[in-house]
C-alpha atoms as a PDB file:
ATOM      1  CA  MET A   1     -61.090 -75.652 -95.303  1.00  0.00           C
ATOM      2  CA  PHE A   2     -60.528 -79.277 -96.299  1.00  0.00           C
ATOM      3  CA  HIS A   3     -61.701 -80.603 -92.955  1.00  0.00           C
ATOM      4  CA  ALA A   4     -65.490 -80.403 -93.053  1.00  0.00           C
ATOM      5  CA  PRO A   5     -66.279 -82.554 -96.140  1.00  0.00           C
ATOM      6  CA  LEU A   6     -63.560 -85.066 -95.256  1.00  0.00           C
ATOM      7  CA  VAL A   7     -64.832 -85.433 -91.696  1.00  0.00           C
ATOM      8  CA  VAL A   8     -68.338 -86.047 -93.073  1.00  0.00           C
ATOM      9  CA  LEU A   9     -66.957 -88.692 -95.467  1.00  0.00           C
ATOM     10  CA  LEU A  10     -65.087 -90.344 -92.601  1.00  0.00           C
ATOM     11  CA  MET A  11     -68.159 -90.399 -90.348  1.00  0.00           C
ATOM     12  CA  VAL A  12     -70.294 -91.933 -93.091  1.00  0.00           C
ATOM     13  CA  SER A  13     -67.616 -94.539 -93.826  1.00  0.00           C
ATOM     14  CA  ILE A  14     -67.451 -95.603 -90.180  1.00  0.00           C
ATOM     15  CA  GLN A  15     -71.083 -96.664 -90.352  1.00  0.00           C
ATOM     16  CA  PHE A  16     -70.167 -99.438 -92.803  1.00  0.00           C
ATOM     17  CA  ILE A  17     -67.656-101.108 -90.472  1.00  0.00           C
ATOM     18  CA  PRO A  18     -69.147-104.459 -89.321  1.00  0.00           C
ATOM     19  CA  LYS A  19     -70.052-104.513 -85.627  1.00  0.00           C
ATOM     20  CA  GLU A  20     -68.068-107.659 -84.837  1.00  0.00           C
ATOM     21  CA  SER A  21     -65.842-108.506 -81.903  1.00  0.00           C
ATOM     22  CA  LEU A  22     -62.137-108.663 -82.679  1.00  0.00           C
ATOM     23  CA  SER A  23     -60.086-111.608 -81.510  1.00  0.00           C
ATOM     24  CA  LEU A  24     -56.456-110.784 -80.779  1.00  0.00           C
ATOM     25  CA  THR A  25     -53.596-113.108 -79.895  1.00  0.00           C
ATOM     26  CA  ILE A  26     -50.966-111.342 -77.826  1.00  0.00           C
ATOM     27  CA  THR A  27     -47.454-112.757 -77.761  1.00  0.00           C
ATOM     28  CA  SER A  28     -44.758-111.741 -75.338  1.00  0.00           C
ATOM     29  CA  ASN A  29     -41.683-110.322 -77.062  1.00  0.00           C
ATOM     30  CA  PRO A  30     -39.037-109.012 -74.642  1.00  0.00           C
ATOM     31  CA  PHE A  31     -37.695-105.575 -75.543  1.00  0.00           C
ATOM     32  CA  ASP A  32     -34.106-105.755 -76.806  1.00  0.00           C
ATOM     33  CA  HIS A  33     -32.426-102.494 -75.755  1.00  0.00           C
ATOM     34  CA  GLN A  34     -29.229-103.235 -77.680  1.00  0.00           C
ATOM     35  CA  LYS A  35     -31.049-103.748 -80.974  1.00  0.00           C
ATOM     36  CA  ALA A  36     -33.180-100.671 -80.376  1.00  0.00           C
ATOM     37  CA  VAL A  37     -30.114 -98.490 -79.802  1.00  0.00           C
ATOM     38  CA  ILE A  38     -28.221 -99.846 -82.824  1.00  0.00           C
ATOM     39  CA  TYR A  39     -31.196 -99.606 -85.173  1.00  0.00           C
ATOM     40  CA  GLY A  40     -31.881 -96.115 -83.876  1.00  0.00           C
ATOM     41  CA  LEU A  41     -28.319 -95.032 -84.664  1.00  0.00           C
ATOM     42  CA  LEU A  42     -28.511 -96.619 -88.115  1.00  0.00           C
ATOM     43  CA  MET A  43     -31.724 -94.703 -88.773  1.00  0.00           C
ATOM     44  CA  VAL A  44     -29.951 -91.480 -87.823  1.00  0.00           C
ATOM     45  CA  VAL A  45     -27.215 -92.329 -90.325  1.00  0.00           C
ATOM     46  CA  MET A  46     -29.789 -92.968 -93.050  1.00  0.00           C
ATOM     47  CA  ILE A  47     -31.619 -89.721 -92.305  1.00  0.00           C
ATOM     48  CA  ALA A  48     -28.296 -87.880 -92.454  1.00  0.00           C
ATOM     49  CA  GLY A  49     -27.736 -89.402 -95.895  1.00  0.00           C
ATOM     50  CA  VAL A  50     -31.224 -88.405 -97.086  1.00  0.00           C
ATOM     51  CA  PHE A  51     -30.639 -84.778 -96.050  1.00  0.00           C
ATOM     52  CA  SER A  52     -27.106 -84.765 -97.524  1.00  0.00           C
ATOM     53  CA  ILE A  53     -25.471 -84.196 -94.154  1.00  0.00           C
ATOM     54  CA  ILE A  54     -23.204 -87.056 -95.173  1.00  0.00           C
ATOM     55  CA  PRO A  55     -22.917 -88.527 -98.697  1.00  0.00           C
ATOM     56  CA  TYR A  56     -25.786 -90.978 -99.225  1.00  0.00           C
ATOM     57  CA  LEU A  57     -23.377 -93.599-100.608  1.00  0.00           C
ATOM     58  CA  ILE A  58     -21.351 -93.447 -97.380  1.00  0.00           C
ATOM     59  CA  ALA A  59     -24.557 -93.761 -95.355  1.00  0.00           C
ATOM     60  CA  PHE A  60     -25.586 -96.797 -97.391  1.00  0.00           C
ATOM     61  CA  ILE A  61     -22.200 -98.489 -96.962  1.00  0.00           C
ATOM     62  CA  ILE A  62     -22.179 -97.874 -93.194  1.00  0.00           C
ATOM     63  CA  VAL A  63     -25.680 -99.272 -92.676  1.00  0.00           C
ATOM     64  CA  ALA A  64     -25.212-102.253 -95.010  1.00  0.00           C
ATOM     65  CA  ALA A  65     -21.825-103.188 -93.544  1.00  0.00           C
ATOM     66  CA  ILE A  66     -23.022-103.077 -89.920  1.00  0.00           C
ATOM     67  CA  VAL A  67     -26.133-105.127 -90.657  1.00  0.00           C
ATOM     68  CA  LEU A  68     -24.128-107.587 -92.768  1.00  0.00           C
ATOM     69  CA  PHE A  69     -21.666-108.347 -89.962  1.00  0.00           C
ATOM     70  CA  TRP A  70     -24.141-108.037 -87.089  1.00  0.00           C
ATOM     71  CA  GLN A  71     -27.295-109.717 -88.415  1.00  0.00           C
ATOM     72  CA  PRO A  72     -26.604-111.126 -91.909  1.00  0.00           C
ATOM     73  CA  GLN A  73     -29.800-113.223 -91.801  1.00  0.00           C
ATOM     74  CA  LEU A  74     -31.818-110.046 -92.329  1.00  0.00           C
ATOM     75  CA  PHE A  75     -30.604-109.873 -95.934  1.00  0.00           C
ATOM     76  CA  ARG A  76     -32.392-113.166 -96.625  1.00  0.00           C
ATOM     77  CA  LYS A  77     -35.670-111.659 -95.461  1.00  0.00           C
ATOM     78  CA  VAL A  78     -35.600-108.667 -97.811  1.00  0.00           C
ATOM     79  CA  ASP A  79     -38.225-108.655-100.569  1.00  0.00           C
ATOM     80  CA  TYR A  80     -35.805-107.819-103.372  1.00  0.00           C
ATOM     81  CA  ARG A  81     -38.498-107.927-106.057  1.00  0.00           C
ATOM     82  CA  LEU A  82     -40.523-105.282-104.248  1.00  0.00           C
ATOM     83  CA  LEU A  83     -37.404-103.237-103.590  1.00  0.00           C
ATOM     84  CA  CYS A  84     -36.337-103.410-107.234  1.00  0.00           C
ATOM     85  CA  THR A  85     -39.844-102.535-108.402  1.00  0.00           C
ATOM     86  CA  PHE A  86     -39.800 -99.343-106.381  1.00  0.00           C
ATOM     87  CA  ALA A  87     -36.228 -98.530-107.454  1.00  0.00           C
ATOM     88  CA  PHE A  88     -37.198 -98.966-111.118  1.00  0.00           C
ATOM     89  CA  PHE A  89     -40.010 -96.444-110.659  1.00  0.00           C
ATOM     90  CA  PHE A  90     -37.423 -93.828-109.662  1.00  0.00           C
ATOM     91  CA  ILE A  91     -35.190 -94.799-112.595  1.00  0.00           C
ATOM     92  CA  ILE A  92     -38.150 -94.342-114.940  1.00  0.00           C
ATOM     93  CA  VAL A  93     -38.887 -90.958-113.358  1.00  0.00           C
ATOM     94  CA  GLY A  94     -35.278 -89.890-113.863  1.00  0.00           C
ATOM     95  CA  ASN A  95     -35.435 -90.819-117.546  1.00  0.00           C
ATOM     96  CA  LEU A  96     -38.834 -89.207-118.093  1.00  0.00           C
ATOM     97  CA  SER A  97     -37.718 -85.949-116.494  1.00  0.00           C
ATOM     98  CA  GLN A  98     -35.080 -85.605-119.238  1.00  0.00           C
ATOM     99  CA  SER A  99     -37.655 -85.766-122.035  1.00  0.00           C
ATOM    100  CA  GLU A 100     -38.248 -82.340-123.588  1.00  0.00           C
ATOM    101  CA  GLU A 101     -41.550 -83.509-125.091  1.00  0.00           C
ATOM    102  CA  LEU A 102     -42.829 -84.562-121.678  1.00  0.00           C
ATOM    103  CA  ILE A 103     -41.614 -81.356-120.040  1.00  0.00           C
ATOM    104  CA  ASN A 104     -43.385 -79.226-122.652  1.00  0.00           C
ATOM    105  CA  TRP A 105     -46.575 -81.269-122.270  1.00  0.00           C
ATOM    106  CA  LEU A 106     -46.509 -81.004-118.476  1.00  0.00           C
ATOM    107  CA  GLN A 107     -45.991 -77.256-118.588  1.00  0.00           C
ATOM    108  CA  LYS A 108     -48.984 -76.897-120.906  1.00  0.00           C
ATOM    109  CA  THR A 109     -51.098 -79.205-118.741  1.00  0.00           C
ATOM    110  CA  PHE A 110     -50.438 -77.552-115.388  1.00  0.00           C
ATOM    111  CA  THR A 111     -52.501 -74.485-116.205  1.00  0.00           C
ATOM    112  CA  ASN A 112     -54.707 -74.559-113.107  1.00  0.00           C
ATOM    113  CA  PRO A 113     -54.950 -76.284-109.714  1.00  0.00           C
ATOM    114  CA  VAL A 114     -57.590 -78.831-110.799  1.00  0.00           C
ATOM    115  CA  ASN A 115     -55.578 -80.074-113.795  1.00  0.00           C
ATOM    116  CA  THR A 116     -52.511 -80.346-111.579  1.00  0.00           C
ATOM    117  CA  LEU A 117     -54.502 -82.311-108.993  1.00  0.00           C
ATOM    118  CA  LEU A 118     -55.819 -84.744-111.618  1.00  0.00           C
ATOM    119  CA  ASP A 119     -52.407 -85.219-113.208  1.00  0.00           C
ATOM    120  CA  GLY A 120     -50.940 -86.064-109.789  1.00  0.00           C
ATOM    121  CA  ILE A 121     -53.665 -88.652-109.227  1.00  0.00           C
ATOM    122  CA  LEU A 122     -53.306 -90.219-112.673  1.00  0.00           C
ATOM    123  CA  ALA A 123     -49.503 -90.351-112.554  1.00  0.00           C
ATOM    124  CA  SER A 124     -49.663 -92.059-109.167  1.00  0.00           C
ATOM    125  CA  GLN A 125     -51.734 -94.892-110.635  1.00  0.00           C
ATOM    126  CA  VAL A 126     -48.938 -95.744-113.064  1.00  0.00           C
ATOM    127  CA  ILE A 127     -45.622 -94.988-111.349  1.00  0.00           C
ATOM    128  CA  SER A 128     -46.667 -94.827-107.654  1.00  0.00           C
ATOM    129  CA  ASN A 129     -47.334 -91.647-105.709  1.00  0.00           C
ATOM    130  CA  VAL A 130     -43.850 -90.850-104.356  1.00  0.00           C
ATOM    131  CA  PRO A 131     -42.092 -91.056-107.762  1.00  0.00           C
ATOM    132  CA  ALA A 132     -45.026 -89.134-109.254  1.00  0.00           C
ATOM    133  CA  ALA A 133     -44.477 -86.293-106.786  1.00  0.00           C
ATOM    134  CA  ILE A 134     -40.762 -86.155-107.641  1.00  0.00           C
ATOM    135  CA  LEU A 135     -41.514 -86.154-111.377  1.00  0.00           C
ATOM    136  CA  LEU A 136     -44.268 -83.530-111.392  1.00  0.00           C
ATOM    137  CA  ALA A 137     -43.306 -81.061-108.652  1.00  0.00           C
ATOM    138  CA  PRO A 138     -40.592 -79.170-110.612  1.00  0.00           C
ATOM    139  CA  PHE A 139     -43.004 -78.314-113.447  1.00  0.00           C
ATOM    140  CA  THR A 140     -45.796 -76.557-111.593  1.00  0.00           C
ATOM    141  CA  LYS A 141     -46.375 -73.702-109.207  1.00  0.00           C
ATOM    142  CA  TYR A 142     -49.479 -75.411-107.782  1.00  0.00           C
ATOM    143  CA  HIS A 143     -47.615 -77.396-105.175  1.00  0.00           C
ATOM    144  CA  GLN A 144     -50.634 -77.818-102.908  1.00  0.00           C
ATOM    145  CA  SER A 145     -52.508 -79.501-105.755  1.00  0.00           C
ATOM    146  CA  ILE A 146     -49.585 -81.838-106.425  1.00  0.00           C
ATOM    147  CA  LEU A 147     -49.380 -82.715-102.729  1.00  0.00           C
ATOM    148  CA  LEU A 148     -53.089 -83.473-102.569  1.00  0.00           C
ATOM    149  CA  GLY A 149     -53.026 -85.302-105.894  1.00  0.00           C
ATOM    150  CA  VAL A 150     -50.299 -87.757-104.974  1.00  0.00           C
ATOM    151  CA  ASN A 151     -51.816 -88.311-101.529  1.00  0.00           C
ATOM    152  CA  ILE A 152     -55.225 -89.132-102.993  1.00  0.00           C
ATOM    153  CA  GLY A 153     -53.407 -90.981-105.776  1.00  0.00           C
ATOM    154  CA  GLY A 154     -52.202 -93.519-103.230  1.00  0.00           C
ATOM    155  CA  LEU A 155     -55.695 -94.971-103.643  1.00  0.00           C
ATOM    156  CA  GLY A 156     -56.586 -96.820-106.822  1.00  0.00           C
ATOM    157  CA  THR A 157     -54.228 -99.432-108.219  1.00  0.00           C
ATOM    158  CA  LEU A 158     -51.958-101.718-106.227  1.00  0.00           C
ATOM    159  CA  ILE A 159     -48.881 -99.871-107.492  1.00  0.00           C
ATOM    160  CA  ALA A 160     -50.329 -96.450-106.641  1.00  0.00           C
ATOM    161  CA  SER A 161     -48.575 -96.688-103.274  1.00  0.00           C
ATOM    162  CA  LEU A 162     -45.765 -98.836-101.922  1.00  0.00           C
ATOM    163  CA  ALA A 163     -47.978 -99.466 -98.872  1.00  0.00           C
ATOM    164  CA  ASN A 164     -50.533-101.140-101.150  1.00  0.00           C
ATOM    165  CA  LEU A 165     -47.917-103.550-102.478  1.00  0.00           C
ATOM    166  CA  ILE A 166     -46.653-104.331 -98.989  1.00  0.00           C
ATOM    167  CA  GLY A 167     -50.205-104.980 -97.782  1.00  0.00           C
ATOM    168  CA  TYR A 168     -50.883-107.261-100.753  1.00  0.00           C
ATOM    169  CA  LYS A 169     -47.743-109.267-100.058  1.00  0.00           C
ATOM    170  CA  ILE A 170     -48.709-109.720 -96.405  1.00  0.00           C
ATOM    171  CA  VAL A 171     -52.114-111.047 -97.470  1.00  0.00           C
ATOM    172  CA  ARG A 172     -50.521-113.354-100.037  1.00  0.00           C
ATOM    173  CA  ILE A 173     -48.188-114.821 -97.403  1.00  0.00           C
ATOM    174  CA  GLN A 174     -50.508-114.966 -94.403  1.00  0.00           C
ATOM    175  CA  ILE A 175     -53.844-115.850 -96.036  1.00  0.00           C
ATOM    176  CA  PRO A 176     -53.085-116.931 -99.645  1.00  0.00           C
ATOM    177  CA  ASN A 177     -56.563-118.405-100.137  1.00  0.00           C
ATOM    178  CA  ASP A 178     -58.094-114.944 -99.660  1.00  0.00           C
ATOM    179  CA  CYS A 179     -55.956-113.149-102.263  1.00  0.00           C
ATOM    180  CA  LYS A 180     -58.759-112.919-104.822  1.00  0.00           C
ATOM    181  CA  LEU A 181     -61.221-111.689-102.208  1.00  0.00           C
ATOM    182  CA  PHE A 182     -58.712-109.118-100.956  1.00  0.00           C
ATOM    183  CA  THR A 183     -57.969-107.877-104.481  1.00  0.00           C
ATOM    184  CA  ARG A 184     -61.659-107.550-105.328  1.00  0.00           C
ATOM    185  CA  ASN A 185     -62.477-105.654-102.139  1.00  0.00           C
ATOM    186  CA  PHE A 186     -59.301-103.583-102.447  1.00  0.00           C
ATOM    187  CA  TYR A 187     -60.213-102.261-105.896  1.00  0.00           C
ATOM    188  CA  LEU A 188     -63.869-101.783-104.993  1.00  0.00           C
ATOM    189  CA  ILE A 189     -63.114 -99.704-101.896  1.00  0.00           C
ATOM    190  CA  ASN A 190     -60.208 -97.831-103.475  1.00  0.00           C
ATOM    191  CA  ILE A 191     -62.133 -96.840-106.602  1.00  0.00           C
ATOM    192  CA  ILE A 192     -65.066 -95.590-104.516  1.00  0.00           C
ATOM    193  CA  TYR A 193     -62.895 -93.473-102.229  1.00  0.00           C
ATOM    194  CA  LEU A 194     -60.616 -92.290-105.034  1.00  0.00           C
ATOM    195  CA  THR A 195     -63.659 -91.051-106.950  1.00  0.00           C
ATOM    196  CA  LEU A 196     -65.280 -89.396-103.928  1.00  0.00           C
ATOM    197  CA  LEU A 197     -62.093 -87.685-102.739  1.00  0.00           C
ATOM    198  CA  THR A 198     -61.221 -86.504-106.244  1.00  0.00           C
ATOM    199  CA  ILE A 199     -64.648 -84.890-106.624  1.00  0.00           C
ATOM    200  CA  VAL A 200     -64.544 -83.275-103.176  1.00  0.00           C
ATOM    201  CA  ILE A 201     -60.995 -81.930-103.431  1.00  0.00           C
ATOM    202  CA  SER A 202     -61.567 -80.678-107.005  1.00  0.00           C
ATOM    203  CA  PHE A 203     -64.082 -78.185-105.625  1.00  0.00           C
ATOM    204  CA  ILE A 204     -61.715 -77.048-102.882  1.00  0.00           C
ATOM    205  CA  VAL A 205     -58.299 -76.501-104.526  1.00  0.00           C
END
């Protein structure tokens, strides 16, 4: 039931894409089977930690130790500020979830699907959409509204989604002179689509 209005919105949006030819530079990067196998196994270990098949601390130690001894230069390429920013969001969520005042307020707020949807969107703008989902989900029975709210909530501010922050950093590194233009267009497009999607989904949930 969500499909029809969203498909219409998508089709209208496509009409605004400039009809310009794209210029692509293709570089030849030989496929490294050894790296692919090792990284694949490390991903399996991490997934096992996420789903508590093995203790997550053990999974972290295994992955970190192998990468440290195998390709230590990768640790110099990590964006630790971005990583810490995201980690702090989860720490904040953990602290907020212990607040009785907040719990009581959330339980009073989540009285219907629309309120739950809007709260998911608003929370995402401040603490990012994944931490917002973790914070809000235990306090409502309207899980579909929370899911839609935090998905739509990925639009809006730069911190609404980790993907937004990653995209901004790429722009800042690759084309630093266009940062202001990117930021202006980012907020313009995001606010438009956040508003439109919020209105459309509010009538559907």
